[in-house]
Amino acid sequence: MLFWLLVGHAVADFPLQAGPMAAEKCRRSTSELQKSVPWYYWLTAHAVIHGGAVFWATGSLVLGLAET
């Protein structure tokens, strides 16, 4: 299970994290996109992706929600 959690983390941090998400989840970003979509939306989306990866690896909704 540890292996699948590590794989899920790697997949959630690299291929599933779009370029804008990586930059815009920082609240100090000053890009034009940040003006229309607040940083906390990007950060929440990233957290949900990680929670989904934990749910996928463990099959536990409780652990997936805790990760989110």
PDB file of N, CA and C in Angstrom:
ATOM      1  N   MET A   1       0.828  -1.183   0.000  1.00  0.00           N
ATOM      2  CA  MET A   1       0.000   0.000   0.000  1.00  0.00           C
ATOM      3  C   MET A   1       0.880   1.258   0.000  1.00  0.00           C
ATOM      4  N   LEU A   2       1.978   1.219   0.725  1.00  0.00           N
ATOM      5  CA  LEU A   2       2.878   2.379   0.736  1.00  0.00           C
ATOM      6  C   LEU A   2       3.348   2.713  -0.675  1.00  0.00           C
ATOM      7  N   PHE A   3       3.663   1.678  -1.449  1.00  0.00           N
ATOM      8  CA  PHE A   3       4.093   1.903  -2.833  1.00  0.00           C
ATOM      9  C   PHE A   3       3.014   2.650  -3.611  1.00  0.00           C
ATOM     10  N   TRP A   4       1.749   2.217  -3.492  1.00  0.00           N
ATOM     11  CA  TRP A   4       0.675   2.852  -4.243  1.00  0.00           C
ATOM     12  C   TRP A   4       0.385   4.257  -3.743  1.00  0.00           C
ATOM     13  N   LEU A   5       0.579   4.496  -2.460  1.00  0.00           N
ATOM     14  CA  LEU A   5       0.434   5.861  -1.943  1.00  0.00           C
ATOM     15  C   LEU A   5       1.513   6.769  -2.528  1.00  0.00           C
ATOM     16  N   LEU A   6       2.727   6.259  -2.636  1.00  0.00           N
ATOM     17  CA  LEU A   6       3.809   7.050  -3.228  1.00  0.00           C
ATOM     18  C   LEU A   6       3.562   7.302  -4.711  1.00  0.00           C
ATOM     19  N   VAL A   7       3.081   6.284  -5.421  1.00  0.00           N
ATOM     20  CA  VAL A   7       2.751   6.457  -6.835  1.00  0.00           C
ATOM     21  C   VAL A   7       1.636   7.490  -6.981  1.00  0.00           C
ATOM     22  N   GLY A   8       0.602   7.382  -6.153  1.00  0.00           N
ATOM     23  CA  GLY A   8      -0.501   8.338  -6.202  1.00  0.00           C
ATOM     24  C   GLY A   8      -0.038   9.756  -5.937  1.00  0.00           C
ATOM     25  N   HIS A   9       0.874   9.914  -4.990  1.00  0.00           N
ATOM     26  CA  HIS A   9       1.401  11.242  -4.684  1.00  0.00           C
ATOM     27  C   HIS A   9       2.181  11.799  -5.874  1.00  0.00           C
ATOM     28  N   ALA A  10       3.009  10.964  -6.469  1.00  0.00           N
ATOM     29  CA  ALA A  10       3.803  11.413  -7.621  1.00  0.00           C
ATOM     30  C   ALA A  10       2.897  11.787  -8.797  1.00  0.00           C
ATOM     31  N   VAL A  11       1.885  10.984  -9.047  1.00  0.00           N
ATOM     32  CA  VAL A  11       0.965  11.273 -10.154  1.00  0.00           C
ATOM     33  C   VAL A  11       0.166  12.547  -9.860  1.00  0.00           C
ATOM     34  N   ALA A  12      -0.276  12.720  -8.621  1.00  0.00           N
ATOM     35  CA  ALA A  12      -1.057  13.905  -8.257  1.00  0.00           C
ATOM     36  C   ALA A  12      -0.208  15.175  -8.310  1.00  0.00           C
ATOM     37  N   ASP A  13       1.073  15.063  -8.017  1.00  0.00           N
ATOM     38  CA  ASP A  13       1.929  16.252  -8.005  1.00  0.00           C
ATOM     39  C   ASP A  13       2.478  16.628  -9.369  1.00  0.00           C
ATOM     40  N   PHE A  14       2.569  15.699 -10.287  1.00  0.00           N
ATOM     41  CA  PHE A  14       3.176  16.042 -11.569  1.00  0.00           C
ATOM     42  C   PHE A  14       2.189  15.981 -12.723  1.00  0.00           C
ATOM     43  N   PRO A  15       1.758  14.831 -13.228  1.00  0.00           N
ATOM     44  CA  PRO A  15       0.883  14.853 -14.403  1.00  0.00           C
ATOM     45  C   PRO A  15      -0.514  15.446 -14.150  1.00  0.00           C
ATOM     46  N   LEU A  16      -1.069  15.262 -12.955  1.00  0.00           N
ATOM     47  CA  LEU A  16      -2.426  15.763 -12.698  1.00  0.00           C
ATOM     48  C   LEU A  16      -2.461  17.208 -12.223  1.00  0.00           C
ATOM     49  N   GLN A  17      -1.316  17.767 -11.929  1.00  0.00           N
ATOM     50  CA  GLN A  17      -1.264  19.171 -11.518  1.00  0.00           C
ATOM     51  C   GLN A  17      -0.902  20.004 -12.747  1.00  0.00           C
ATOM     52  N   ALA A  18      -1.901  20.647 -13.306  1.00  0.00           N
ATOM     53  CA  ALA A  18      -1.666  21.449 -14.509  1.00  0.00           C
ATOM     54  C   ALA A  18      -0.699  22.588 -14.212  1.00  0.00           C
ATOM     55  N   GLY A  19      -0.069  23.093 -15.248  1.00  0.00           N
ATOM     56  CA  GLY A  19       0.879  24.194 -15.090  1.00  0.00           C
ATOM     57  C   GLY A  19       0.312  25.384 -14.330  1.00  0.00           C
ATOM     58  N   PRO A  20      -0.889  25.859 -14.721  1.00  0.00           N
ATOM     59  CA  PRO A  20      -1.455  26.986 -13.970  1.00  0.00           C
ATOM     60  C   PRO A  20      -1.711  26.646 -12.503  1.00  0.00           C
ATOM     61  N   MET A  21      -2.126  25.415 -12.223  1.00  0.00           N
ATOM     62  CA  MET A  21      -2.403  25.039 -10.838  1.00  0.00           C
ATOM     63  C   MET A  21      -1.143  25.132  -9.993  1.00  0.00           C
ATOM     64  N   ALA A  22      -0.029  24.722 -10.544  1.00  0.00           N
ATOM     65  CA  ALA A  22       1.229  24.764  -9.800  1.00  0.00           C
ATOM     66  C   ALA A  22       1.604  26.188  -9.425  1.00  0.00           C
ATOM     67  N   ALA A  23       1.362  27.126 -10.322  1.00  0.00           N
ATOM     68  CA  ALA A  23       1.741  28.520 -10.068  1.00  0.00           C
ATOM     69  C   ALA A  23       0.679  29.278  -9.283  1.00  0.00           C
ATOM     70  N   GLU A  24      -0.575  29.042  -9.591  1.00  0.00           N
ATOM     71  CA  GLU A  24      -1.647  29.860  -9.024  1.00  0.00           C
ATOM     72  C   GLU A  24      -2.084  29.437  -7.633  1.00  0.00           C
ATOM     73  N   LYS A  25      -1.671  28.266  -7.151  1.00  0.00           N
ATOM     74  CA  LYS A  25      -2.055  27.876  -5.789  1.00  0.00           C
ATOM     75  C   LYS A  25      -1.263  28.648  -4.736  1.00  0.00           C
ATOM     76  N   CYS A  26      -0.288  29.394  -5.175  1.00  0.00           N
ATOM     77  CA  CYS A  26       0.480  30.260  -4.276  1.00  0.00           C
ATOM     78  C   CYS A  26      -0.259  31.592  -4.129  1.00  0.00           C
ATOM     79  N   ARG A  27      -0.576  31.984  -2.921  1.00  0.00           N
ATOM     80  CA  ARG A  27      -1.366  33.210  -2.745  1.00  0.00           C
ATOM     81  C   ARG A  27      -0.595  34.475  -3.085  1.00  0.00           C
ATOM     82  N   ARG A  28       0.702  34.375  -3.243  1.00  0.00           N
ATOM     83  CA  ARG A  28       1.503  35.553  -3.593  1.00  0.00           C
ATOM     84  C   ARG A  28       1.685  35.729  -5.103  1.00  0.00           C
ATOM     85  N   SER A  29       1.012  34.887  -5.885  1.00  0.00           N
ATOM     86  CA  SER A  29       1.100  35.007  -7.340  1.00  0.00           C
ATOM     87  C   SER A  29       0.473  36.330  -7.776  1.00  0.00           C
ATOM     88  N   THR A  30       1.087  36.954  -8.753  1.00  0.00           N
ATOM     89  CA  THR A  30       0.579  38.243  -9.234  1.00  0.00           C
ATOM     90  C   THR A  30       0.148  38.161 -10.701  1.00  0.00           C
ATOM     91  N   SER A  31      -0.163  36.987 -11.195  1.00  0.00           N
ATOM     92  CA  SER A  31      -0.533  36.832 -12.601  1.00  0.00           C
ATOM     93  C   SER A  31      -1.958  37.341 -12.849  1.00  0.00           C
ATOM     94  N   GLU A  32      -2.267  37.497 -14.117  1.00  0.00           N
ATOM     95  CA  GLU A  32      -3.609  37.935 -14.506  1.00  0.00           C
ATOM     96  C   GLU A  32      -4.655  36.876 -14.142  1.00  0.00           C
ATOM     97  N   LEU A  33      -4.288  35.608 -14.260  1.00  0.00           N
ATOM     98  CA  LEU A  33      -5.215  34.528 -13.938  1.00  0.00           C
ATOM     99  C   LEU A  33      -5.608  34.569 -12.462  1.00  0.00           C
ATOM    100  N   GLN A  34      -4.680  34.972 -11.609  1.00  0.00           N
ATOM    101  CA  GLN A  34      -4.947  35.053 -10.172  1.00  0.00           C
ATOM    102  C   GLN A  34      -6.060  36.057  -9.868  1.00  0.00           C
ATOM    103  N   LYS A  35      -6.206  37.053 -10.716  1.00  0.00           N
ATOM    104  CA  LYS A  35      -7.240  38.068 -10.490  1.00  0.00           C
ATOM    105  C   LYS A  35      -8.642  37.525 -10.736  1.00  0.00           C
ATOM    106  N   SER A  36      -8.779  36.537 -11.624  1.00  0.00           N
ATOM    107  CA  SER A  36     -10.099  35.993 -11.919  1.00  0.00           C
ATOM    108  C   SER A  36     -10.399  34.695 -11.171  1.00  0.00           C
ATOM    109  N   VAL A  37      -9.362  33.935 -10.821  1.00  0.00           N
ATOM    110  CA  VAL A  37      -9.548  32.681 -10.078  1.00  0.00           C
ATOM    111  C   VAL A  37      -8.650  32.747  -8.843  1.00  0.00           C
ATOM    112  N   PRO A  38      -9.237  32.895  -7.645  1.00  0.00           N
ATOM    113  CA  PRO A  38      -8.437  33.053  -6.429  1.00  0.00           C
ATOM    114  C   PRO A  38      -7.552  31.844  -6.137  1.00  0.00           C
ATOM    115  N   TRP A  39      -6.467  32.071  -5.433  1.00  0.00           N
ATOM    116  CA  TRP A  39      -5.485  31.026  -5.120  1.00  0.00           C
ATOM    117  C   TRP A  39      -6.097  29.858  -4.372  1.00  0.00           C
ATOM    118  N   TYR A  40      -7.065  30.128  -3.499  1.00  0.00           N
ATOM    119  CA  TYR A  40      -7.603  29.039  -2.686  1.00  0.00           C
ATOM    120  C   TYR A  40      -8.432  28.064  -3.528  1.00  0.00           C
ATOM    121  N   TYR A  41      -8.954  28.476  -4.655  1.00  0.00           N
ATOM    122  CA  TYR A  41      -9.622  27.527  -5.557  1.00  0.00           C
ATOM    123  C   TYR A  41      -8.604  26.535  -6.120  1.00  0.00           C
ATOM    124  N   TRP A  42      -7.448  27.051  -6.544  1.00  0.00           N
ATOM    125  CA  TRP A  42      -6.398  26.191  -7.090  1.00  0.00           C
ATOM    126  C   TRP A  42      -5.879  25.233  -6.027  1.00  0.00           C
ATOM    127  N   LEU A  43      -5.672  25.752  -4.826  1.00  0.00           N
ATOM    128  CA  LEU A  43      -5.154  24.911  -3.743  1.00  0.00           C
ATOM    129  C   LEU A  43      -6.170  23.841  -3.347  1.00  0.00           C
ATOM    130  N   THR A  44      -7.448  24.189  -3.316  1.00  0.00           N
ATOM    131  CA  THR A  44      -8.493  23.210  -3.004  1.00  0.00           C
ATOM    132  C   THR A  44      -8.553  22.123  -4.072  1.00  0.00           C
ATOM    133  N   ALA A  45      -8.458  22.503  -5.328  1.00  0.00           N
ATOM    134  CA  ALA A  45      -8.468  21.512  -6.407  1.00  0.00           C
ATOM    135  C   ALA A  45      -7.290  20.555  -6.274  1.00  0.00           C
ATOM    136  N   HIS A  46      -6.135  21.092  -5.939  1.00  0.00           N
ATOM    137  CA  HIS A  46      -4.945  20.253  -5.752  1.00  0.00           C
ATOM    138  C   HIS A  46      -5.134  19.297  -4.573  1.00  0.00           C
ATOM    139  N   ALA A  47      -5.719  19.781  -3.488  1.00  0.00           N
ATOM    140  CA  ALA A  47      -5.965  18.945  -2.318  1.00  0.00           C
ATOM    141  C   ALA A  47      -6.961  17.825  -2.636  1.00  0.00           C
ATOM    142  N   VAL A  48      -7.983  18.132  -3.425  1.00  0.00           N
ATOM    143  CA  VAL A  48      -8.968  17.119  -3.809  1.00  0.00           C
ATOM    144  C   VAL A  48      -8.313  16.039  -4.680  1.00  0.00           C
ATOM    145  N   ILE A  49      -7.413  16.434  -5.551  1.00  0.00           N
ATOM    146  CA  ILE A  49      -6.682  15.456  -6.361  1.00  0.00           C
ATOM    147  C   ILE A  49      -5.889  14.517  -5.458  1.00  0.00           C
ATOM    148  N   HIS A  50      -5.217  15.063  -4.467  1.00  0.00           N
ATOM    149  CA  HIS A  50      -4.452  14.227  -3.534  1.00  0.00           C
ATOM    150  C   HIS A  50      -5.371  13.315  -2.719  1.00  0.00           C
ATOM    151  N   GLY A  51      -6.499  13.841  -2.282  1.00  0.00           N
ATOM    152  CA  GLY A  51      -7.455  13.009  -1.563  1.00  0.00           C
ATOM    153  C   GLY A  51      -7.968  11.867  -2.425  1.00  0.00           C
ATOM    154  N   GLY A  52      -8.210  12.148  -3.690  1.00  0.00           N
ATOM    155  CA  GLY A  52      -8.636  11.104  -4.624  1.00  0.00           C
ATOM    156  C   GLY A  52      -7.576  10.038  -4.815  1.00  0.00           C
ATOM    157  N   ALA A  53      -6.313  10.449  -4.842  1.00  0.00           N
ATOM    158  CA  ALA A  53      -5.223   9.481  -4.974  1.00  0.00           C
ATOM    159  C   ALA A  53      -5.154   8.566  -3.756  1.00  0.00           C
ATOM    160  N   VAL A  54      -5.354   9.131  -2.573  1.00  0.00           N
ATOM    161  CA  VAL A  54      -5.345   8.316  -1.353  1.00  0.00           C
ATOM    162  C   VAL A  54      -6.533   7.366  -1.349  1.00  0.00           C
ATOM    163  N   PHE A  55      -7.701   7.848  -1.756  1.00  0.00           N
ATOM    164  CA  PHE A  55      -8.870   6.983  -1.838  1.00  0.00           C
ATOM    165  C   PHE A  55      -8.627   5.843  -2.821  1.00  0.00           C
ATOM    166  N   TRP A  56      -8.028   6.157  -3.962  1.00  0.00           N
ATOM    167  CA  TRP A  56      -7.721   5.144  -4.975  1.00  0.00           C
ATOM    168  C   TRP A  56      -6.752   4.096  -4.426  1.00  0.00           C
ATOM    169  N   ALA A  57      -5.738   4.540  -3.693  1.00  0.00           N
ATOM    170  CA  ALA A  57      -4.708   3.615  -3.207  1.00  0.00           C
ATOM    171  C   ALA A  57      -5.201   2.772  -2.038  1.00  0.00           C
ATOM    172  N   THR A  58      -6.063   3.333  -1.200  1.00  0.00           N
ATOM    173  CA  THR A  58      -6.466   2.625   0.021  1.00  0.00           C
ATOM    174  C   THR A  58      -7.887   2.072  -0.030  1.00  0.00           C
ATOM    175  N   GLY A  59      -8.724   2.654  -0.868  1.00  0.00           N
ATOM    176  CA  GLY A  59     -10.127   2.261  -0.906  1.00  0.00           C
ATOM    177  C   GLY A  59     -10.919   2.804   0.281  1.00  0.00           C
ATOM    178  N   SER A  60     -10.304   3.696   1.055  1.00  0.00           N
ATOM    179  CA  SER A  60     -10.947   4.242   2.245  1.00  0.00           C
ATOM    180  C   SER A  60     -11.354   5.696   2.000  1.00  0.00           C
ATOM    181  N   LEU A  61     -12.660   5.929   2.042  1.00  0.00           N
ATOM    182  CA  LEU A  61     -13.163   7.293   1.886  1.00  0.00           C
ATOM    183  C   LEU A  61     -12.712   8.178   3.040  1.00  0.00           C
ATOM    184  N   VAL A  62     -12.647   7.619   4.229  1.00  0.00           N
ATOM    185  CA  VAL A  62     -12.224   8.393   5.411  1.00  0.00           C
ATOM    186  C   VAL A  62     -10.792   8.882   5.231  1.00  0.00           C
ATOM    187  N   LEU A  63      -9.899   8.020   4.797  1.00  0.00           N
ATOM    188  CA  LEU A  63      -8.510   8.441   4.599  1.00  0.00           C
ATOM    189  C   LEU A  63      -8.389   9.443   3.444  1.00  0.00           C
ATOM    190  N   GLY A  64      -9.192   9.254   2.386  1.00  0.00           N
ATOM    191  CA  GLY A  64      -9.194  10.206   1.286  1.00  0.00           C
ATOM    192  C   GLY A  64      -9.651  11.587   1.724  1.00  0.00           C
ATOM    193  N   LEU A  65     -10.703  11.619   2.544  1.00  0.00           N
ATOM    194  CA  LEU A  65     -11.178  12.915   3.048  1.00  0.00           C
ATOM    195  C   LEU A  65     -10.164  13.534   4.009  1.00  0.00           C
ATOM    196  N   ALA A  66      -9.524  12.700   4.824  1.00  0.00           N
ATOM    197  CA  ALA A  66      -8.508  13.216   5.749  1.00  0.00           C
ATOM    198  C   ALA A  66      -7.328  13.811   4.977  1.00  0.00           C
ATOM    199  N   GLU A  67      -6.946  13.188   3.881  1.00  0.00           N
ATOM    200  CA  GLU A  67      -5.859  13.719   3.057  1.00  0.00           C
ATOM    201  C   GLU A  67      -6.259  15.040   2.426  1.00  0.00           C
ATOM    202  N   THR A  68      -7.493  15.123   1.985  1.00  0.00           N
ATOM    203  CA  THR A  68      -7.966  16.364   1.361  1.00  0.00           C
ATOM    204  C   THR A  68      -7.936  17.488   2.382  1.00  0.00           C
TER     205      THR A  68
END
